[in-house]
Amino acid sequence: MTEMNKQLFLKLFLLLQLGAFAQNAPYFDTVFTDYFRRTSSGWKAGDGTISVPLPDGRVLWLFGDSHIAAVDTNNNTLPCLFQIRNCMMVQDSLNRNYFKTIIDSIHTGVNQTPFKLVLSDTTLFWPDHGYVWNDTVYLFMGRFNNSDMGKFYGEYLVKLDYPGLHLIGMYPLHPTNGIIYGRSVLIDTAADYLYMYGNKLNWIVWEPYLARCNVNNIYLPWEYYTGSGWSTLPSQAHKISSEVVSPGYSVVKRNGKYYLISQQNGYLLCGQGREIYSCESPTPYGPFTNKQVVYTEESKLNGKYLVSYNAQAHPFFTQNNELLISYNVNNGNDTATCYVQCTNVWTDRMDADSYRPKFIRVPFEKITGTQLHNFIKTEARILPNPVIAESLFSCELNLAGTGELTIALYDNLGRMVSQSKSLFNKGLNTLSIQAPATKGIYFLSIRNNMNENKVLKLIVY
């Protein structure tokens, strides 16, 4: 590496470490979006996009109406009419670009759907959320009339064995006063609670609710949050936020707080409902407040907006303090606002990307709506500096709060020399570190669990 290249690298390294390139702005995740631009066998396009992480690192992805027909790679098109009403894919634990589609390969046509009561069942099951407990995967799915989507036949619990993911059975859940629970789930292992977030249609808006049960036995009586406590009566359920939600939404836990992720209801109209927002609460039962618009999606086809709906959070894939969120797109038939591809759904074809999920990454700072405090104050320093090779030096930190820090030392080529994690207290802290054996310029990176970072220059002679 030439001296000029070294200097350029050092400048870039410092800028990156100090956050000069990190503007805390959400951005479109092209890598994850491209994972779902499938053209080989199996699933090709669909909506829903629910992720259920498995203990072995694989991820189960659930979809509603889906295409499994071949994509015409010359023009990236699919038949307008989807082939099955639900679908499941399993993402590999190491190669995230590899998926296995699980369908009923014994039968043909719409009966290839993996989730159905019996072969002749004409109703349809649409996925909500799910979780894994011991040797079983539990999935929530709503059952609807195939021809009249306004007819809801109740929520079902689908059980798969783990790790094989073979269907064990589909079981109706008890009525819950019109509230559809299982839109999102969280497990509280400390209290052995399974929190099941749901919603109920009030005229034209969906309002959020919460139920809980013992995670070891979902068939034990459920409790419903009443606004001030819990009741075993479904009719006593009280909404957990004054904000409305989309038909599908998510709740994630982060650093002791709970965040509700939803999308503005656009009523499946092109260009409407493009805002994705968050609300927060110190407890799993709300109230969820402090609404923040975190992203306004811009998916278009031939210059016109697509239908956009049902943003979903995927906390398993959080990286660099950024939450992965998907949203679905679809075609519309309003010639004034949509680019209409499917005048005749039986014969026309559509751009496959106009029915594939899109992914964004949103910094948690944007979700909380608050600027992260300066956890590491400016008094941080290295003593002595310069320091003799292989001798001990001290790093003094004056901290605004108690928390875990990651201390990493890098050489001037950006290679990590050492790294450690320790819990530090508020106020002045002193850390002893051994200097490298090789003389030169080094950089000490001090990072907290909120991804704030401070970099100090160290000279070793």
Protein backbone atom coordinates (compact mmCIF):
# COMPACT_ATOMS: atom_id res chain seq x y z
CA MET A 1 0.00 0.00 0.00
CA THR A 2 1.47 3.36 -1.02
CA GLU A 3 1.83 6.23 1.45
CA MET A 4 -0.92 8.13 -0.37
CA ASN A 5 -3.27 5.15 -0.12
CA LYS A 6 -2.45 4.80 3.58
CA GLN A 7 -3.34 8.41 4.22
CA LEU A 8 -6.56 8.04 2.26
CA PHE A 9 -7.46 4.90 4.21
CA LEU A 10 -6.79 6.65 7.52
CA LYS A 11 -9.05 9.54 6.57
CA LEU A 12 -11.83 7.21 5.47
CA PHE A 13 -11.43 5.05 8.55
CA LEU A 14 -11.67 8.02 10.89
CA LEU A 15 -14.64 9.45 9.06
CA LEU A 16 -16.49 6.16 9.20
CA GLN A 17 -15.67 5.56 12.85
CA LEU A 18 -16.67 9.07 13.86
CA GLY A 19 -19.94 8.72 12.02
CA ALA A 20 -19.38 11.33 9.32
CA PHE A 21 -21.04 9.06 6.79
CA ALA A 22 -23.79 7.93 9.15
CA GLN A 23 -26.61 10.45 8.86
CA ASN A 24 -29.07 8.34 10.88
CA ALA A 25 -31.27 8.22 7.82
CA PRO A 26 -33.33 5.18 6.76
CA TYR A 27 -32.30 3.64 3.46
CA PHE A 28 -33.48 1.07 0.95
CA ASP A 29 -31.78 -2.30 1.52
CA THR A 30 -30.99 -3.53 -1.97
CA VAL A 31 -29.20 -6.65 -0.73
CA PHE A 32 -32.17 -7.98 1.22
CA THR A 33 -34.63 -6.91 -1.47
CA ASP A 34 -32.61 -8.83 -4.05
CA TYR A 35 -32.82 -11.99 -1.93
CA PHE A 36 -36.50 -12.14 -2.84
CA ARG A 37 -36.11 -11.53 -6.56
CA ARG A 38 -36.35 -15.27 -7.18
CA THR A 39 -36.52 -16.71 -10.70
CA SER A 40 -35.65 -20.38 -10.10
CA SER A 41 -37.98 -23.07 -8.76
CA GLY A 42 -40.34 -22.36 -5.88
CA TRP A 43 -41.72 -19.06 -4.64
CA LYS A 44 -41.28 -16.12 -7.05
CA ALA A 45 -43.43 -13.31 -5.63
CA GLY A 46 -46.05 -12.71 -2.97
CA ASP A 47 -47.17 -10.62 -0.01
CA GLY A 48 -47.23 -11.14 3.74
CA THR A 49 -43.45 -11.38 4.32
CA ILE A 50 -43.54 -12.65 7.93
CA SER A 51 -40.24 -13.87 9.38
CA VAL A 52 -39.96 -16.49 12.14
CA PRO A 53 -36.33 -17.11 13.21
CA LEU A 54 -35.47 -20.72 14.01
CA PRO A 55 -33.04 -21.75 16.78
CA ASP A 56 -30.52 -23.15 14.29
CA GLY A 57 -30.16 -19.82 12.45
CA ARG A 58 -32.56 -20.59 9.62
CA VAL A 59 -35.48 -18.23 9.09
CA LEU A 60 -39.01 -19.24 8.18
CA TRP A 61 -40.71 -16.79 5.80
CA LEU A 62 -44.50 -16.84 5.44
CA PHE A 63 -46.43 -15.39 2.51
CA GLY A 64 -50.05 -14.97 1.53
CA ASP A 65 -51.11 -15.07 -2.12
CA SER A 66 -48.02 -16.24 -3.99
CA HIS A 67 -46.63 -16.96 -7.43
CA ILE A 68 -44.78 -20.21 -8.05
CA ALA A 69 -45.05 -20.06 -11.84
CA ALA A 70 -41.95 -19.47 -13.95
CA VAL A 71 -40.68 -15.93 -14.43
CA ASP A 72 -40.11 -14.87 -18.02
CA THR A 73 -36.53 -13.66 -17.53
CA ASN A 74 -36.60 -11.80 -20.85
CA ASN A 75 -39.00 -9.20 -19.44
CA ASN A 76 -39.20 -10.19 -15.72
CA THR A 77 -42.92 -10.93 -15.87
CA LEU A 78 -45.35 -13.33 -14.21
CA PRO A 79 -48.98 -14.23 -14.89
CA CYS A 80 -51.25 -11.65 -13.26
CA LEU A 81 -53.15 -14.30 -11.33
CA PHE A 82 -51.25 -15.88 -8.43
CA GLN A 83 -51.14 -19.68 -8.17
CA ILE A 84 -51.53 -20.44 -4.43
CA ARG A 85 -53.08 -18.67 -1.42
CA ASN A 86 -50.19 -19.15 1.02
CA CYS A 87 -46.58 -20.25 0.88
CA MET A 88 -43.57 -20.89 3.09
CA MET A 89 -39.84 -20.51 2.43
CA VAL A 90 -36.89 -21.43 4.64
CA GLN A 91 -33.82 -19.21 4.43
CA ASP A 92 -30.43 -20.85 4.97
CA SER A 93 -28.50 -19.98 8.14
CA LEU A 94 -25.19 -19.33 6.36
CA ASN A 95 -26.07 -18.48 2.78
CA ARG A 96 -28.88 -15.95 3.10
CA ASN A 97 -29.41 -16.01 -0.65
CA TYR A 98 -30.47 -19.66 -0.52
CA PHE A 99 -34.13 -20.50 0.14
CA LYS A 100 -36.12 -23.70 0.14
CA THR A 101 -39.80 -23.38 -0.79
CA ILE A 102 -42.15 -25.67 1.12
CA ILE A 103 -45.39 -26.46 -0.72
CA ASP A 104 -47.61 -29.50 -1.16
CA SER A 105 -45.77 -31.01 -4.10
CA ILE A 106 -48.05 -34.06 -4.22
CA HIS A 107 -51.02 -32.09 -5.55
CA THR A 108 -51.47 -29.53 -8.32
CA GLY A 109 -52.97 -26.08 -8.77
CA VAL A 110 -54.18 -24.17 -5.72
CA ASN A 111 -54.01 -27.40 -3.69
CA GLN A 112 -50.24 -27.00 -3.63
CA THR A 113 -50.69 -24.53 -0.77
CA PRO A 114 -48.98 -26.00 2.33
CA PHE A 115 -51.63 -24.78 4.79
CA LYS A 116 -55.15 -26.19 4.33
CA LEU A 117 -57.50 -28.21 6.50
CA VAL A 118 -58.22 -30.88 3.91
CA LEU A 119 -57.50 -31.23 0.21
CA SER A 120 -60.98 -30.08 -0.79
CA ASP A 121 -61.00 -27.08 1.55
CA THR A 122 -61.93 -23.97 -0.46
CA THR A 123 -61.26 -21.47 2.34
CA LEU A 124 -57.91 -19.72 2.52
CA PHE A 125 -55.40 -19.21 5.28
CA TRP A 126 -53.34 -16.05 5.50
CA PRO A 127 -50.29 -15.90 7.78
CA ASP A 128 -49.82 -13.73 10.80
CA HIS A 129 -46.81 -14.16 13.06
CA GLY A 130 -45.24 -17.16 14.82
CA TYR A 131 -42.65 -18.39 17.28
CA VAL A 132 -40.66 -21.48 18.26
CA TRP A 133 -40.96 -23.14 21.66
CA ASN A 134 -39.08 -26.35 22.49
CA ASP A 135 -39.54 -28.76 19.56
CA THR A 136 -42.52 -27.04 17.93
CA VAL A 137 -43.07 -24.10 15.59
CA TYR A 138 -46.34 -22.26 16.25
CA LEU A 139 -47.87 -20.10 13.52
CA PHE A 140 -50.98 -17.92 13.71
CA MET A 141 -53.13 -17.90 10.57
CA GLY A 142 -56.47 -16.32 9.78
CA ARG A 143 -59.08 -18.32 7.89
CA PHE A 144 -61.20 -16.48 5.31
CA ASN A 145 -63.87 -17.22 2.77
CA ASN A 146 -62.27 -17.66 -0.64
CA SER A 147 -64.83 -15.63 -2.57
CA ASP A 148 -65.92 -13.14 0.10
CA MET A 149 -62.91 -11.77 1.98
CA GLY A 150 -65.24 -10.05 4.44
CA LYS A 151 -66.11 -13.41 5.95
CA PHE A 152 -63.58 -14.27 8.65
CA TYR A 153 -63.84 -17.78 10.06
CA GLY A 154 -61.46 -17.28 12.95
CA GLU A 155 -57.80 -17.55 13.85
CA TYR A 156 -56.03 -20.91 13.69
CA LEU A 157 -52.90 -22.19 15.36
CA VAL A 158 -50.66 -24.11 12.97
CA LYS A 159 -48.08 -26.47 14.46
CA LEU A 160 -44.92 -27.68 12.70
CA ASP A 161 -42.34 -30.02 14.13
CA TYR A 162 -38.82 -28.66 14.62
CA PRO A 163 -36.35 -28.97 13.01
CA GLY A 164 -38.10 -30.90 10.23
CA LEU A 165 -40.88 -28.30 9.73
CA HIS A 166 -43.48 -30.93 8.88
CA LEU A 167 -47.10 -30.00 9.42
CA ILE A 168 -48.50 -31.46 12.66
CA GLY A 169 -51.94 -29.91 12.49
CA MET A 170 -54.12 -26.79 12.27
CA TYR A 171 -56.33 -26.01 15.25
CA PRO A 172 -59.03 -23.34 15.66
CA LEU A 173 -58.51 -20.88 18.49
CA HIS A 174 -61.36 -19.78 20.71
CA PRO A 175 -63.37 -16.66 19.74
CA THR A 176 -61.89 -13.38 21.01
CA ASN A 177 -64.66 -10.83 20.55
CA GLY A 178 -63.72 -10.02 16.96
CA ILE A 179 -60.07 -9.29 17.71
CA ILE A 180 -57.51 -11.12 15.57
CA TYR A 181 -54.57 -12.01 17.82
CA GLY A 182 -51.19 -13.23 16.60
CA ARG A 183 -50.37 -10.33 14.26
CA SER A 184 -47.13 -10.10 16.23
CA VAL A 185 -45.80 -12.16 19.14
CA LEU A 186 -43.16 -11.66 21.82
CA ILE A 187 -41.93 -14.17 24.41
CA ASP A 188 -41.09 -13.01 27.93
CA THR A 189 -38.92 -15.87 29.19
CA ALA A 190 -38.51 -14.29 32.64
CA ALA A 191 -42.25 -14.48 33.34
CA ASP A 192 -43.07 -17.35 30.94
CA TYR A 193 -45.55 -15.17 29.06
CA LEU A 194 -46.35 -15.23 25.38
CA TYR A 195 -47.62 -11.80 24.32
CA MET A 196 -49.95 -11.95 21.32
CA TYR A 197 -50.65 -8.62 19.65
CA GLY A 198 -53.84 -8.30 17.66
CA ASN A 199 -56.20 -5.80 16.08
CA LYS A 200 -59.86 -5.26 15.44
CA LEU A 201 -61.60 -3.45 12.62
CA ASN A 202 -63.53 -0.43 13.88
CA TRP A 203 -65.47 0.85 10.86
CA ILE A 204 -62.55 1.44 8.45
CA VAL A 205 -59.59 1.52 10.88
CA TRP A 206 -57.73 -1.21 12.72
CA GLU A 207 -57.12 -0.75 16.46
CA PRO A 208 -54.41 -2.66 18.40
CA TYR A 209 -55.00 -5.02 21.34
CA LEU A 210 -52.96 -7.46 23.43
CA ALA A 211 -53.49 -10.90 24.97
CA ARG A 212 -51.09 -13.11 26.86
CA CYS A 213 -50.84 -16.73 27.98
CA ASN A 214 -48.38 -19.16 29.48
CA VAL A 215 -45.75 -19.80 26.82
CA ASN A 216 -45.48 -23.44 27.93
CA ASN A 217 -49.14 -24.13 27.12
CA ILE A 218 -51.00 -21.86 24.72
CA TYR A 219 -54.21 -23.79 25.41
CA LEU A 220 -54.41 -22.54 28.99
CA PRO A 221 -56.80 -19.59 29.50
CA TRP A 222 -55.68 -16.35 27.90
CA GLU A 223 -55.62 -12.98 29.60
CA TYR A 224 -56.58 -9.74 27.84
CA TYR A 225 -55.19 -6.35 28.66
CA THR A 226 -57.99 -4.10 29.93
CA GLY A 227 -56.18 -0.77 30.04
CA SER A 228 -55.42 -1.10 33.74
CA GLY A 229 -54.85 -4.83 34.25
CA TRP A 230 -55.68 -8.25 32.87
CA SER A 231 -58.93 -10.19 32.50
CA THR A 232 -59.81 -13.66 31.24
CA LEU A 233 -62.86 -12.17 29.48
CA PRO A 234 -62.18 -11.32 25.80
CA SER A 235 -64.84 -8.61 25.97
CA GLN A 236 -62.77 -6.71 28.54
CA ALA A 237 -59.88 -6.10 26.12
CA HIS A 238 -58.94 -2.44 25.70
CA LYS A 239 -56.85 -1.02 22.87
CA ILE A 240 -53.20 -0.42 23.72
CA SER A 241 -52.77 2.75 21.69
CA SER A 242 -54.88 5.63 20.44
CA GLU A 243 -53.01 5.27 17.15
CA VAL A 244 -54.51 2.97 14.55
CA VAL A 245 -52.48 0.22 12.90
CA SER A 246 -52.43 -1.56 9.56
CA PRO A 247 -53.98 -5.05 9.23
CA GLY A 248 -50.48 -6.49 9.75
CA TYR A 249 -48.07 -4.83 12.17
CA SER A 250 -45.12 -5.64 14.45
CA VAL A 251 -43.97 -5.07 18.01
CA VAL A 252 -40.28 -5.43 18.83
CA LYS A 253 -38.33 -5.08 22.05
CA ARG A 254 -35.09 -3.12 22.16
CA ASN A 255 -33.02 -2.04 25.18
CA GLY A 256 -35.88 -2.49 27.60
CA LYS A 257 -38.48 -0.61 25.51
CA TYR A 258 -41.17 -1.77 23.11
CA TYR A 259 -41.69 -0.38 19.62
CA LEU A 260 -44.77 -0.78 17.47
CA ILE A 261 -44.04 -0.71 13.73
CA SER A 262 -46.94 -0.15 11.36
CA GLN A 263 -47.90 1.49 8.09
CA GLN A 264 -50.44 4.11 7.19
CA ASN A 265 -53.56 2.45 5.81
CA GLY A 266 -53.79 3.31 2.14
CA TYR A 267 -56.87 1.15 1.53
CA LEU A 268 -54.99 -0.59 -1.28
CA LEU A 269 -54.93 2.54 -3.44
CA CYS A 270 -51.91 3.45 -5.54
CA GLY A 271 -49.81 6.17 -3.92
CA GLN A 272 -51.72 6.08 -0.62
CA GLY A 273 -50.55 4.75 2.74
CA ARG A 274 -46.85 5.16 1.97
CA GLU A 275 -45.76 6.29 5.44
CA ILE A 276 -44.21 3.71 7.78
CA TYR A 277 -44.22 4.79 11.41
CA SER A 278 -43.31 3.72 14.94
CA CYS A 279 -44.77 4.20 18.41
CA GLU A 280 -43.07 3.33 21.69
CA SER A 281 -43.91 2.14 25.18
CA PRO A 282 -41.93 1.25 28.33
CA THR A 283 -44.13 -1.84 28.76
CA PRO A 284 -45.40 -4.55 26.38
CA TYR A 285 -48.99 -3.43 26.99
CA GLY A 286 -48.60 0.26 26.20
CA PRO A 287 -49.88 2.78 25.86
CA PHE A 288 -47.88 3.10 22.64
CA THR A 289 -47.27 6.79 21.99
CA ASN A 290 -44.73 9.18 20.42
CA LYS A 291 -45.66 8.37 16.83
CA GLN A 292 -42.73 8.87 14.45
CA VAL A 293 -42.84 8.62 10.67
CA VAL A 294 -39.64 6.68 9.95
CA TYR A 295 -39.87 6.16 6.20
CA THR A 296 -41.97 7.18 3.22
CA GLU A 297 -41.75 4.52 0.55
CA GLU A 298 -41.44 5.48 -3.12
CA SER A 299 -42.13 2.28 -5.06
CA LYS A 300 -43.22 3.11 -8.59
CA LEU A 301 -43.85 1.33 -11.88
CA ASN A 302 -43.48 3.32 -15.08
CA GLY A 303 -43.55 6.56 -13.10
CA LYS A 304 -46.70 5.76 -11.10
CA TYR A 305 -46.95 4.64 -7.50
CA LEU A 306 -47.79 1.05 -6.64
CA VAL A 307 -50.11 -0.10 -3.89
CA SER A 308 -48.12 -0.29 -0.64
CA TYR A 309 -49.15 -2.02 2.60
CA ASN A 310 -48.44 -4.01 5.78
CA ALA A 311 -44.92 -3.03 6.85
CA GLN A 312 -43.32 -5.75 8.98
CA ALA A 313 -40.29 -5.58 11.28
CA HIS A 314 -37.63 -8.31 11.28
CA PRO A 315 -35.59 -7.73 14.46
CA PHE A 316 -33.57 -10.93 13.99
CA PHE A 317 -31.72 -9.13 11.19
CA THR A 318 -30.90 -5.96 13.15
CA GLN A 319 -27.40 -4.74 12.29
CA ASN A 320 -25.48 -1.61 13.29
CA ASN A 321 -28.43 -0.49 15.42
CA GLU A 322 -30.63 -0.53 12.29
CA LEU A 323 -33.95 -2.38 12.19
CA LEU A 324 -34.84 -4.33 9.04
CA ILE A 325 -38.40 -3.58 7.86
CA SER A 326 -40.25 -4.95 4.85
CA TYR A 327 -43.30 -3.64 3.08
CA ASN A 328 -45.44 -5.17 0.36
CA VAL A 329 -46.31 -3.71 -3.02
CA ASN A 330 -49.08 -4.67 -5.40
CA ASN A 331 -50.81 -3.60 -8.59
CA GLY A 332 -53.87 -1.39 -8.78
CA ASN A 333 -56.57 -1.01 -11.40
CA ASP A 334 -57.27 2.72 -11.18
CA THR A 335 -56.07 4.07 -14.53
CA ALA A 336 -55.87 7.61 -13.13
CA THR A 337 -53.32 6.79 -10.43
CA CYS A 338 -51.91 3.34 -11.25
CA TYR A 339 -49.96 1.87 -14.10
CA VAL A 340 -52.48 -0.85 -14.90
CA GLN A 341 -50.90 -4.13 -15.99
CA CYS A 342 -53.73 -6.58 -15.41
CA THR A 343 -56.82 -5.56 -17.33
CA ASN A 344 -57.47 -9.26 -17.85
CA VAL A 345 -56.04 -11.25 -14.95
CA TRP A 346 -56.45 -14.50 -16.88
CA THR A 347 -54.27 -13.54 -19.84
CA ASP A 348 -52.17 -10.47 -18.95
CA ARG A 349 -48.74 -10.56 -17.34
CA MET A 350 -47.17 -8.24 -14.78
CA ASP A 351 -43.73 -7.12 -13.71
CA ALA A 352 -42.63 -9.59 -11.03
CA ASP A 353 -41.08 -6.80 -8.93
CA SER A 354 -44.48 -5.14 -8.64
CA TYR A 355 -45.54 -7.94 -6.29
CA ARG A 356 -42.32 -8.66 -4.44
CA PRO A 357 -41.47 -7.40 -0.93
CA LYS A 358 -39.16 -4.42 -0.49
CA PHE A 359 -36.80 -3.93 2.45
CA ILE A 360 -35.48 -0.88 4.26
CA ARG A 361 -33.20 -0.33 7.24
CA VAL A 362 -34.15 2.24 9.85
CA PRO A 363 -31.77 3.38 12.62
CA PHE A 364 -33.33 2.94 16.05
CA GLU A 365 -32.51 6.58 16.71
CA LYS A 366 -35.04 7.41 14.01
CA ILE A 367 -37.58 5.00 15.50
CA THR A 368 -37.33 6.43 19.01
CA GLY A 369 -37.55 9.99 17.70
CA THR A 370 -34.85 11.14 20.09
CA GLN A 371 -31.18 11.90 19.67
CA LEU A 372 -28.94 9.45 21.50
CA HIS A 373 -27.21 11.04 24.45
CA ASN A 374 -23.47 11.57 24.30
CA PHE A 375 -22.70 8.50 26.39
CA ILE A 376 -18.96 8.98 26.08
CA LYS A 377 -17.99 12.52 27.05
CA THR A 378 -15.16 14.43 25.36
CA GLU A 379 -12.76 14.00 28.29
CA ALA A 380 -11.77 10.53 27.05
CA ARG A 381 -7.99 10.34 26.69
CA ILE A 382 -5.03 7.96 26.48
CA LEU A 383 -2.13 8.17 28.97
CA PRO A 384 0.70 8.07 28.14
CA ASN A 385 0.51 8.83 24.43
CA PRO A 386 2.91 8.06 22.71
CA VAL A 387 3.46 4.78 24.51
CA ILE A 388 6.30 2.25 24.40
CA ALA A 389 5.56 -0.96 22.47
CA GLU A 390 4.21 -3.83 24.64
CA SER A 391 3.86 -1.58 27.68
CA LEU A 392 0.61 -0.72 29.45
CA PHE A 393 -1.29 2.47 28.78
CA SER A 394 -4.45 3.83 30.37
CA CYS A 395 -7.65 4.97 28.74
CA GLU A 396 -9.63 7.40 30.89
CA LEU A 397 -13.34 7.69 30.16
CA ASN A 398 -15.83 10.06 31.73
CA LEU A 399 -19.22 8.45 31.09
CA ALA A 400 -22.70 9.94 31.26
CA GLY A 401 -24.27 6.63 32.31
CA THR A 402 -23.65 3.00 33.20
CA GLY A 403 -23.41 0.48 30.40
CA GLU A 404 -21.39 -2.05 28.46
CA LEU A 405 -18.63 -0.80 26.17
CA THR A 406 -16.74 -2.57 23.40
CA ILE A 407 -13.08 -1.49 23.31
CA ALA A 408 -11.28 -2.33 20.07
CA LEU A 409 -7.82 -1.42 18.84
CA TYR A 410 -7.13 -1.13 15.09
CA ASP A 411 -3.88 -0.67 13.19
CA ASN A 412 -3.45 1.94 10.45
CA LEU A 413 -4.73 -0.51 7.84
CA GLY A 414 -8.02 -0.96 9.67
CA ARG A 415 -7.21 -4.44 10.98
CA MET A 416 -8.46 -5.26 14.49
CA VAL A 417 -5.59 -5.92 16.89
CA SER A 418 -7.62 -6.60 20.04
CA GLN A 419 -11.15 -6.31 21.38
CA SER A 420 -12.86 -6.62 24.76
CA LYS A 421 -16.24 -5.89 26.34
CA SER A 422 -16.72 -4.61 29.88
CA LEU A 423 -19.38 -2.97 32.03
CA PHE A 424 -18.48 0.59 33.04
CA ASN A 425 -20.03 2.92 35.60
CA LYS A 426 -21.17 6.50 35.31
CA GLY A 427 -18.36 8.97 35.92
CA LEU A 428 -14.61 8.54 35.57
CA ASN A 429 -13.35 5.09 34.54
CA THR A 430 -9.77 3.97 33.91
CA LEU A 431 -8.95 1.02 31.69
CA SER A 432 -5.49 -0.54 31.34
CA ILE A 433 -4.55 -1.86 27.89
CA GLN A 434 -1.34 -3.41 26.59
CA ALA A 435 0.20 -1.65 23.62
CA PRO A 436 0.98 -3.70 20.48
CA ALA A 437 4.48 -5.02 19.90
CA THR A 438 4.78 -3.28 16.52
CA LYS A 439 5.51 0.44 16.38
CA GLY A 440 3.13 2.67 14.47
CA ILE A 441 -0.18 4.54 14.55
CA TYR A 442 -3.25 2.85 16.02
CA PHE A 443 -6.85 3.79 16.68
CA LEU A 444 -8.77 2.92 19.83
CA SER A 445 -12.52 2.54 19.18
CA ILE A 446 -14.90 2.85 22.14
CA ARG A 447 -18.46 1.82 21.31
CA ASN A 448 -21.56 1.41 23.47
CA ASN A 449 -24.60 -0.80 22.85
CA MET A 450 -26.47 2.12 21.28
CA ASN A 451 -23.80 2.10 18.56
CA GLU A 452 -22.33 5.45 19.63
CA ASN A 453 -18.63 5.51 18.97
CA LYS A 454 -15.55 7.46 19.97
CA VAL A 455 -12.13 7.01 18.37
CA LEU A 456 -8.78 7.97 19.94
CA LYS A 457 -5.44 8.02 18.12
CA LEU A 458 -2.59 6.06 19.72
CA ILE A 459 1.10 6.29 18.79
CA VAL A 460 3.33 3.32 19.66
CA TYR A 461 7.13 3.74 19.57
